[in-house]
């Protein structure tokens, strides 16, 4: 497990947050982390891992207390995401992050009292796993291209269409699904629905094995006259687009923290390697070029971390952070690519061997400039606000 290094001390010194960080590390130091390679081989995180985190109160940081959460908010969420990412098992941080901050929060934020009490307490203790399904084969960043529909009948809703890249959906229990409910522009036609895994008319198909994040499962969902009760509409009808955009801010903030955590761990294992690997009667750390490369990367990591934590604090205060969160998503993802590329290079041939921490970080890091908003999309969001 990661230990703090002198250059990697968080500037956020609130005692409650510091205690939370130590609690997370103690939780991750448990024997459960010995099974990371098995999770990658099996392509999923077992339910008992969620229950393990739930027992420690870590799945409810972003949920209010009336549904079993701790309401610690965005700063706590980014601490959890950063520490999970420092395990070097990116699939773990992705799967847990989808559950805690990218799907279940839709219900605690937009759901009716009945929906919130029915679903969220089980999410918080890890009894059930939540997934999100917005992306379609021809509609990724372009939500306007969505074609999945939900038609209201006197008895409920009938869903038709296909969703793809749905993380946690293959083995999860509840899926938040976006569908068109009106013939209008996307901001006035998308609605969200709560879908059970065993819904009639829903087929869940495994997708091809991913390049990285191997322990988070992913599915293609095919809806063929899938029938939902009327009370499975989540939030206001035709207002789902705004709910998605709102939740994107929390999602991208957490993804920024994941990038910081992965970069910190890459730096740590590389420093250990450089200071122990002998060459020509010296260590690799004795070579000035290596020290300078690592020093610059340390500065990049800390700059990204500072932006993540500062923005999380602003988000707590309810400030408009769309521009800065877009900056976080773009900057931290690209920073991670630079750091991991250099760190893997400094490992030499050892960095190319499977199942080492730096090799996992090398493949897991690649998606961080793609998922949750590609760098190019984020840069456009920033430019709109300049």
Protein backbone atom coordinates (compact mmCIF):
# COMPACT_ATOMS: atom_id res chain seq x y z
CA UNK A 1 0.00 0.00 0.00
CA UNK A 2 1.14 3.57 -0.59
CA UNK A 3 2.96 5.47 2.09
CA UNK A 4 3.35 9.23 2.08
CA UNK A 5 6.48 10.62 0.46
CA UNK A 6 7.89 14.08 1.30
CA UNK A 7 6.82 15.58 -2.03
CA UNK A 8 3.33 14.04 -1.91
CA UNK A 9 1.76 15.53 1.22
CA UNK A 10 -1.72 16.88 0.60
CA UNK A 11 -2.15 20.58 1.26
CA UNK A 12 -5.60 19.84 2.68
CA UNK A 13 -4.99 19.44 6.42
CA UNK A 14 -8.53 19.37 7.83
CA UNK A 15 -8.39 16.85 10.72
CA UNK A 16 -11.59 15.09 9.59
CA UNK A 17 -10.23 14.62 6.08
CA UNK A 18 -6.84 13.48 7.39
CA UNK A 19 -8.58 10.92 9.60
CA UNK A 20 -10.62 9.75 6.61
CA UNK A 21 -7.47 9.26 4.55
CA UNK A 22 -5.96 7.12 7.29
CA UNK A 23 -9.19 5.11 7.56
CA UNK A 24 -9.13 4.46 3.81
CA UNK A 25 -5.51 3.33 3.95
CA UNK A 26 -6.23 1.00 6.84
CA UNK A 27 -9.16 -0.43 4.90
CA UNK A 28 -7.00 -0.97 1.83
CA UNK A 29 -4.20 -2.54 3.88
CA UNK A 30 -6.62 -5.33 4.78
CA UNK A 31 -6.04 -8.75 3.25
CA UNK A 32 -8.74 -8.02 0.68
CA UNK A 33 -6.13 -6.24 -1.48
CA UNK A 34 -4.21 -9.50 -1.86
CA UNK A 35 -6.76 -10.56 -4.45
CA UNK A 36 -6.22 -7.76 -6.98
CA UNK A 37 -4.68 -10.07 -9.58
CA UNK A 38 -7.63 -12.44 -9.28
CA UNK A 39 -10.05 -9.57 -9.90
CA UNK A 40 -8.19 -8.68 -13.08
CA UNK A 41 -8.18 -12.28 -14.27
CA UNK A 42 -11.92 -12.59 -13.61
CA UNK A 43 -12.75 -9.19 -15.07
CA UNK A 44 -14.86 -7.98 -12.13
CA UNK A 45 -14.80 -6.81 -8.53
CA UNK A 46 -16.70 -9.26 -6.24
CA UNK A 47 -19.68 -8.05 -4.24
CA UNK A 48 -17.85 -8.75 -0.99
CA UNK A 49 -15.35 -5.99 -1.82
CA UNK A 50 -18.18 -3.46 -1.96
CA UNK A 51 -19.50 -4.78 1.35
CA UNK A 52 -16.00 -4.42 2.80
CA UNK A 53 -15.89 -0.73 1.91
CA UNK A 54 -19.50 -0.32 3.02
CA UNK A 55 -18.66 -1.74 6.44
CA UNK A 56 -16.07 1.01 6.81
CA UNK A 57 -18.56 3.71 5.80
CA UNK A 58 -16.71 4.60 2.60
CA UNK A 59 -19.48 4.12 0.02
CA UNK A 60 -21.70 6.87 1.41
CA UNK A 61 -19.36 9.88 1.38
CA UNK A 62 -21.40 11.58 -1.35
CA UNK A 63 -24.82 10.56 0.00
CA UNK A 64 -26.89 12.43 2.61
CA UNK A 65 -27.37 11.10 6.11
CA UNK A 66 -31.10 10.45 5.75
CA UNK A 67 -30.33 7.53 3.42
CA UNK A 68 -27.38 6.17 5.39
CA UNK A 69 -24.56 8.28 3.95
CA UNK A 70 -22.10 10.51 5.77
CA UNK A 71 -22.57 13.62 3.59
CA UNK A 72 -18.85 14.40 3.77
CA UNK A 73 -19.02 15.76 0.24
CA UNK A 74 -16.67 16.42 -2.68
CA UNK A 75 -13.40 16.73 -0.73
CA UNK A 76 -13.95 13.36 0.93
CA UNK A 77 -14.93 11.86 -2.43
CA UNK A 78 -11.68 12.97 -4.08
CA UNK A 79 -9.62 11.65 -1.15
CA UNK A 80 -11.29 8.24 -1.51
CA UNK A 81 -10.77 8.24 -5.29
CA UNK A 82 -7.11 9.24 -4.96
CA UNK A 83 -6.34 6.57 -2.37
CA UNK A 84 -8.14 3.83 -4.34
CA UNK A 85 -6.11 4.78 -7.42
CA UNK A 86 -2.88 4.47 -5.44
CA UNK A 87 -3.43 0.73 -5.09
CA UNK A 88 -2.28 0.48 -8.77
CA UNK A 89 -5.42 -1.55 -9.56
CA UNK A 90 -7.23 0.96 -11.72
CA UNK A 91 -10.24 -1.27 -12.25
CA UNK A 92 -10.94 -1.12 -8.52
CA UNK A 93 -11.01 2.68 -8.41
CA UNK A 94 -13.09 2.80 -11.60
CA UNK A 95 -15.71 0.28 -10.44
CA UNK A 96 -16.06 1.78 -6.96
CA UNK A 97 -16.10 5.33 -8.34
CA UNK A 98 -18.86 4.48 -10.81
CA UNK A 99 -20.88 3.06 -7.91
CA UNK A 100 -20.31 5.89 -5.42
CA UNK A 101 -20.13 9.06 -7.50
CA UNK A 102 -21.21 8.47 -11.09
CA UNK A 103 -24.46 6.49 -10.84
CA UNK A 104 -26.03 6.09 -7.39
CA UNK A 105 -25.79 9.84 -6.73
CA UNK A 106 -28.49 10.35 -9.36
CA UNK A 107 -30.97 8.65 -7.04
CA UNK A 108 -29.95 10.43 -3.84
CA UNK A 109 -30.01 13.76 -5.70
CA UNK A 110 -33.07 13.43 -7.97
CA UNK A 111 -35.08 10.50 -6.67
CA UNK A 112 -38.38 10.55 -4.85
CA UNK A 113 -38.40 9.83 -1.13
CA UNK A 114 -39.56 6.31 -1.90
CA UNK A 115 -36.79 5.73 -4.47
CA UNK A 116 -34.11 7.13 -2.19
CA UNK A 117 -35.15 4.96 0.75
CA UNK A 118 -35.57 1.87 -1.41
CA UNK A 119 -32.21 1.97 -3.19
CA UNK A 120 -29.59 4.22 -1.59
CA UNK A 121 -29.20 2.54 1.84
CA UNK A 122 -28.28 -0.73 0.08
CA UNK A 123 -25.77 1.12 -2.13
CA UNK A 124 -24.15 2.69 0.94
CA UNK A 125 -23.51 -0.65 2.68
CA UNK A 126 -22.46 -2.43 -0.52
CA UNK A 127 -25.40 -4.80 -0.59
CA UNK A 128 -26.23 -3.79 -4.16
CA UNK A 129 -24.04 -2.34 -6.92
CA UNK A 130 -25.06 0.57 -9.13
CA UNK A 131 -24.15 1.18 -12.79
CA UNK A 132 -24.76 3.95 -15.33
CA UNK A 133 -25.77 3.60 -18.99
CA UNK A 134 -25.75 6.76 -21.10
CA UNK A 135 -23.33 5.98 -23.96
CA UNK A 136 -24.60 4.27 -27.11
CA UNK A 137 -22.80 2.79 -30.14
CA UNK A 138 -23.28 6.08 -32.02
CA UNK A 139 -23.70 8.50 -29.11
CA UNK A 140 -20.78 9.10 -26.78
CA UNK A 141 -19.84 12.69 -26.00
CA UNK A 142 -22.63 13.70 -28.37
CA UNK A 143 -25.63 13.02 -26.15
CA UNK A 144 -27.82 14.57 -28.85
CA UNK A 145 -27.26 11.46 -30.98
CA UNK A 146 -28.96 9.19 -28.42
CA UNK A 147 -31.61 6.89 -29.92
CA UNK A 148 -32.74 4.69 -27.01
CA UNK A 149 -36.39 5.48 -26.29
CA UNK A 150 -38.77 5.11 -23.39
CA UNK A 151 -42.46 5.14 -24.30
CA UNK A 152 -45.06 5.74 -21.62
CA UNK A 153 -48.05 3.37 -21.47
CA UNK A 154 -50.91 3.17 -19.00
CA UNK A 155 -49.00 0.48 -17.08
CA UNK A 156 -45.45 1.85 -17.21
CA UNK A 157 -42.57 2.50 -19.60
CA UNK A 158 -41.34 0.48 -22.57
CA UNK A 159 -37.63 0.86 -23.39
CA UNK A 160 -36.00 0.08 -26.73
CA UNK A 161 -32.42 0.66 -27.80
CA UNK A 162 -28.81 -0.25 -27.08
CA UNK A 163 -26.33 1.09 -24.53
CA UNK A 164 -22.62 0.36 -24.52
CA UNK A 165 -19.54 0.83 -22.29
CA UNK A 166 -21.80 0.44 -19.24
CA UNK A 167 -19.36 -0.09 -16.36
CA UNK A 168 -20.63 -2.30 -13.50
CA UNK A 169 -23.67 -3.29 -15.58
CA UNK A 170 -22.61 -6.87 -16.30
CA UNK A 171 -22.61 -8.00 -12.66
CA UNK A 172 -24.27 -5.00 -11.00
CA UNK A 173 -27.78 -4.89 -9.56
CA UNK A 174 -29.26 -1.52 -10.52
CA UNK A 175 -28.61 0.54 -13.66
CA UNK A 176 -29.34 4.23 -14.23
CA UNK A 177 -30.41 4.44 -17.89
CA UNK A 178 -30.87 7.53 -20.07
CA UNK A 179 -33.53 7.40 -22.79
CA UNK A 180 -35.51 9.73 -25.03
CA UNK A 181 -39.04 10.44 -23.85
CA UNK A 182 -39.99 13.26 -26.23
CA UNK A 183 -39.41 14.35 -29.81
CA UNK A 184 -37.47 17.51 -29.06
CA UNK A 185 -33.91 18.75 -28.63
CA UNK A 186 -31.83 16.68 -26.13
CA UNK A 187 -32.12 19.20 -23.29
CA UNK A 188 -35.90 18.74 -23.42
CA UNK A 189 -36.23 15.07 -24.32
CA UNK A 190 -33.93 12.90 -22.17
CA UNK A 191 -35.17 11.18 -19.02
CA UNK A 192 -33.47 8.88 -16.52
CA UNK A 193 -34.78 5.53 -15.33
CA UNK A 194 -33.93 3.06 -12.56
CA UNK A 195 -33.57 -0.39 -14.11
CA UNK A 196 -33.17 -3.68 -12.24
CA UNK A 197 -30.69 -6.21 -13.61
CA UNK A 198 -33.39 -8.85 -14.18
CA UNK A 199 -35.82 -6.56 -16.03
CA UNK A 200 -37.84 -8.41 -18.67
CA UNK A 201 -36.69 -7.44 -22.16
CA UNK A 202 -33.15 -6.46 -21.05
CA UNK A 203 -30.18 -8.44 -22.37
CA UNK A 204 -26.72 -7.84 -20.86
CA UNK A 205 -23.84 -8.78 -23.13
CA UNK A 206 -20.16 -8.84 -22.13
CA UNK A 207 -17.95 -6.55 -24.19
CA UNK A 208 -14.48 -7.42 -25.56
CA UNK A 209 -11.72 -7.47 -22.94
CA UNK A 210 -10.39 -3.96 -22.32
CA UNK A 211 -6.80 -2.75 -22.71
CA UNK A 212 -6.74 -1.70 -19.05
CA UNK A 213 -8.96 -1.32 -15.96
CA UNK A 214 -9.32 -5.09 -16.22
CA UNK A 215 -11.14 -5.67 -12.95
CA UNK A 216 -14.10 -3.41 -13.74
CA UNK A 217 -16.76 -5.19 -15.75
CA UNK A 218 -18.45 -3.54 -18.71
CA UNK A 219 -21.53 -4.51 -20.69
CA UNK A 220 -23.59 -3.77 -23.75
CA UNK A 221 -27.26 -3.46 -22.82
CA UNK A 222 -29.97 -4.28 -25.33
CA UNK A 223 -33.53 -3.19 -24.53
CA UNK A 224 -36.24 -4.92 -26.55
CA UNK A 225 -39.62 -3.79 -25.28
CA UNK A 226 -38.22 -3.80 -21.76
CA UNK A 227 -41.02 -2.98 -19.35
CA UNK A 228 -40.57 -0.71 -16.32
CA UNK A 229 -43.16 0.35 -13.75
CA UNK A 230 -44.24 3.99 -13.87
CA UNK A 231 -42.40 4.72 -10.62
CA UNK A 232 -39.00 3.91 -12.18
CA UNK A 233 -38.79 7.34 -13.82
CA UNK A 234 -35.92 9.09 -12.01
CA UNK A 235 -36.34 12.83 -11.57
CA UNK A 236 -38.50 14.95 -13.81
CA UNK A 237 -39.57 13.64 -17.19
CA UNK A 238 -37.55 15.21 -20.04
CA UNK A 239 -35.08 16.78 -17.56
CA UNK A 240 -32.53 13.98 -17.54
CA UNK A 241 -30.07 15.87 -19.70
CA UNK A 242 -29.61 18.46 -16.94
CA UNK A 243 -29.18 15.74 -14.32
CA UNK A 244 -26.47 14.13 -16.43
CA UNK A 245 -24.66 17.44 -16.92
CA UNK A 246 -24.85 18.19 -13.20
CA UNK A 247 -23.48 14.81 -12.19
CA UNK A 248 -20.69 15.12 -14.76
CA UNK A 249 -19.10 17.75 -12.51
CA UNK A 250 -18.77 15.39 -9.57
CA UNK A 251 -17.70 12.58 -11.89
CA UNK A 252 -14.94 14.60 -13.54
CA UNK A 253 -13.67 15.89 -10.22
CA UNK A 254 -13.36 12.30 -8.97
CA UNK A 255 -11.66 11.24 -12.21
CA UNK A 256 -9.13 14.03 -11.71
CA UNK A 257 -8.39 12.68 -8.24
CA UNK A 258 -7.97 9.19 -9.71
CA UNK A 259 -5.38 10.53 -12.14
CA UNK A 260 -3.52 12.20 -9.29
CA UNK A 261 -3.54 8.97 -7.26
CA UNK A 262 -2.27 6.88 -10.15
CA UNK A 263 0.48 9.40 -10.86
CA UNK A 264 1.53 9.47 -7.21
CA UNK A 265 1.84 5.69 -7.12
CA UNK A 266 3.79 5.63 -10.39
CA UNK A 267 6.20 8.16 -8.91
CA UNK A 268 6.57 6.18 -5.69
CA UNK A 269 7.38 2.83 -7.30
CA UNK A 270 9.75 4.54 -9.74
CA UNK A 271 11.61 6.39 -6.99
CA UNK A 272 12.04 3.09 -5.16
CA UNK A 273 13.38 1.53 -8.36
CA UNK A 274 15.77 4.37 -9.19
CA UNK A 275 17.25 4.46 -5.70
CA UNK A 276 17.87 0.71 -5.56
CA UNK A 277 18.85 -0.18 -9.15
CA UNK A 278 22.64 -0.23 -9.57
CA UNK A 279 24.34 0.70 -12.85
CA UNK A 280 28.01 1.42 -13.55
CA UNK A 281 28.79 1.44 -9.83
CA UNK A 282 26.04 3.94 -9.04
CA UNK A 283 22.28 3.94 -8.72
CA UNK A 284 19.95 5.23 -11.41
CA UNK A 285 19.03 8.01 -8.99
CA UNK A 286 22.62 9.25 -9.09
CA UNK A 287 22.15 10.23 -12.73
CA UNK A 288 21.17 13.89 -12.86
CA UNK A 289 18.97 13.47 -15.93
CA UNK A 290 16.80 10.95 -14.07
CA UNK A 291 16.53 13.17 -11.00
CA UNK A 292 15.52 16.16 -13.08
CA UNK A 293 12.91 14.17 -14.98
CA UNK A 294 11.38 12.95 -11.73
CA UNK A 295 11.51 16.41 -10.18
CA UNK A 296 9.56 17.93 -13.07
CA UNK A 297 7.00 15.15 -12.91
CA UNK A 298 6.61 15.70 -9.16
CA UNK A 299 5.80 19.35 -9.91
CA UNK A 300 3.18 18.31 -12.49
CA UNK A 301 1.52 15.94 -10.02
CA UNK A 302 1.37 18.55 -7.28
CA UNK A 303 -0.01 21.20 -9.63
CA UNK A 304 -2.82 18.86 -10.66
CA UNK A 305 -3.50 17.85 -7.05
CA UNK A 306 -3.71 21.48 -5.96
CA UNK A 307 -6.28 22.24 -8.66
CA UNK A 308 -8.33 19.15 -7.72
CA UNK A 309 -8.46 19.97 -4.00
CA UNK A 310 -8.99 23.69 -4.44
CA UNK A 311 -11.87 23.05 -6.82
CA UNK A 312 -13.37 20.43 -4.51
CA UNK A 313 -13.45 23.03 -1.74
CA UNK A 314 -15.16 25.51 -4.08
CA UNK A 315 -17.63 22.81 -5.12
CA UNK A 316 -18.53 22.32 -1.45
CA UNK A 317 -19.39 26.03 -1.26
CA UNK A 318 -21.75 25.67 -4.21
CA UNK A 319 -19.68 27.78 -6.61
CA UNK A 320 -19.89 27.37 -10.38
CA UNK A 321 -16.86 25.17 -11.11
CA UNK A 322 -17.64 23.88 -14.61
CA UNK A 323 -14.63 25.58 -16.20
CA UNK A 324 -12.17 24.50 -13.51
CA UNK A 325 -13.52 20.94 -13.39
CA UNK A 326 -13.11 20.74 -17.17
CA UNK A 327 -9.54 21.96 -16.67
CA UNK A 328 -9.00 19.24 -14.06
CA UNK A 329 -10.25 16.50 -16.36
CA UNK A 330 -8.09 17.67 -19.27
CA UNK A 331 -4.96 18.55 -17.29
CA UNK A 332 -4.84 15.60 -14.90
CA UNK A 333 -5.45 13.00 -17.59
CA UNK A 334 -2.69 14.36 -19.81
CA UNK A 335 -0.39 14.83 -16.82
CA UNK A 336 -0.86 11.16 -15.97
CA UNK A 337 0.15 10.11 -19.48
CA UNK A 338 3.40 12.11 -19.19
CA UNK A 339 4.24 10.81 -15.73
CA UNK A 340 3.50 7.14 -16.41
CA UNK A 341 5.34 7.19 -19.73
CA UNK A 342 8.48 8.54 -18.05
CA UNK A 343 8.17 6.20 -15.06
CA UNK A 344 7.73 3.12 -17.22
CA UNK A 345 10.73 4.18 -19.34
CA UNK A 346 12.87 4.56 -16.23
CA UNK A 347 12.04 0.99 -15.22
CA UNK A 348 13.62 -0.28 -18.43
CA UNK A 349 12.69 -3.83 -19.40
CA UNK A 350 11.17 -4.48 -15.98
CA UNK A 351 8.45 -1.96 -16.79
CA UNK A 352 7.31 -4.09 -19.71
CA UNK A 353 6.59 -7.19 -17.64
CA UNK A 354 2.96 -7.95 -16.90
CA UNK A 355 1.44 -7.78 -13.41
CA UNK A 356 3.89 -5.28 -11.96
CA UNK A 357 2.51 -2.05 -10.50
CA UNK A 358 4.08 0.15 -13.17
CA UNK A 359 2.82 -2.08 -15.99
CA UNK A 360 -0.73 -1.95 -14.58
CA UNK A 361 -0.52 1.81 -14.23
CA UNK A 362 0.76 2.06 -17.78
CA UNK A 363 -2.26 0.34 -19.30
CA UNK A 364 -4.87 1.62 -16.82
CA UNK A 365 -3.81 5.24 -17.24
CA UNK A 366 -4.60 5.36 -20.94
CA UNK A 367 -8.37 5.62 -20.53
CA UNK A 368 -8.10 8.67 -18.26
CA UNK A 369 -7.94 11.01 -21.27
CA UNK A 370 -11.00 9.30 -22.81
CA UNK A 371 -13.63 8.22 -20.27
CA UNK A 372 -15.86 10.76 -18.56
CA UNK A 373 -15.14 13.39 -21.18
CA UNK A 374 -12.29 13.17 -23.67
CA UNK A 375 -9.53 15.77 -23.41
CA UNK A 376 -10.66 17.41 -26.64
CA UNK A 377 -14.23 17.80 -25.36
CA UNK A 378 -12.99 19.26 -22.09
CA UNK A 379 -10.78 21.78 -23.86
CA UNK A 380 -13.78 22.95 -25.84
CA UNK A 381 -15.75 23.37 -22.59
CA UNK A 382 -12.92 25.49 -21.20
CA UNK A 383 -12.69 27.59 -24.38
CA UNK A 384 -16.43 28.37 -24.24
CA UNK A 385 -15.84 30.00 -20.87
CA UNK A 386 -12.75 32.05 -21.73
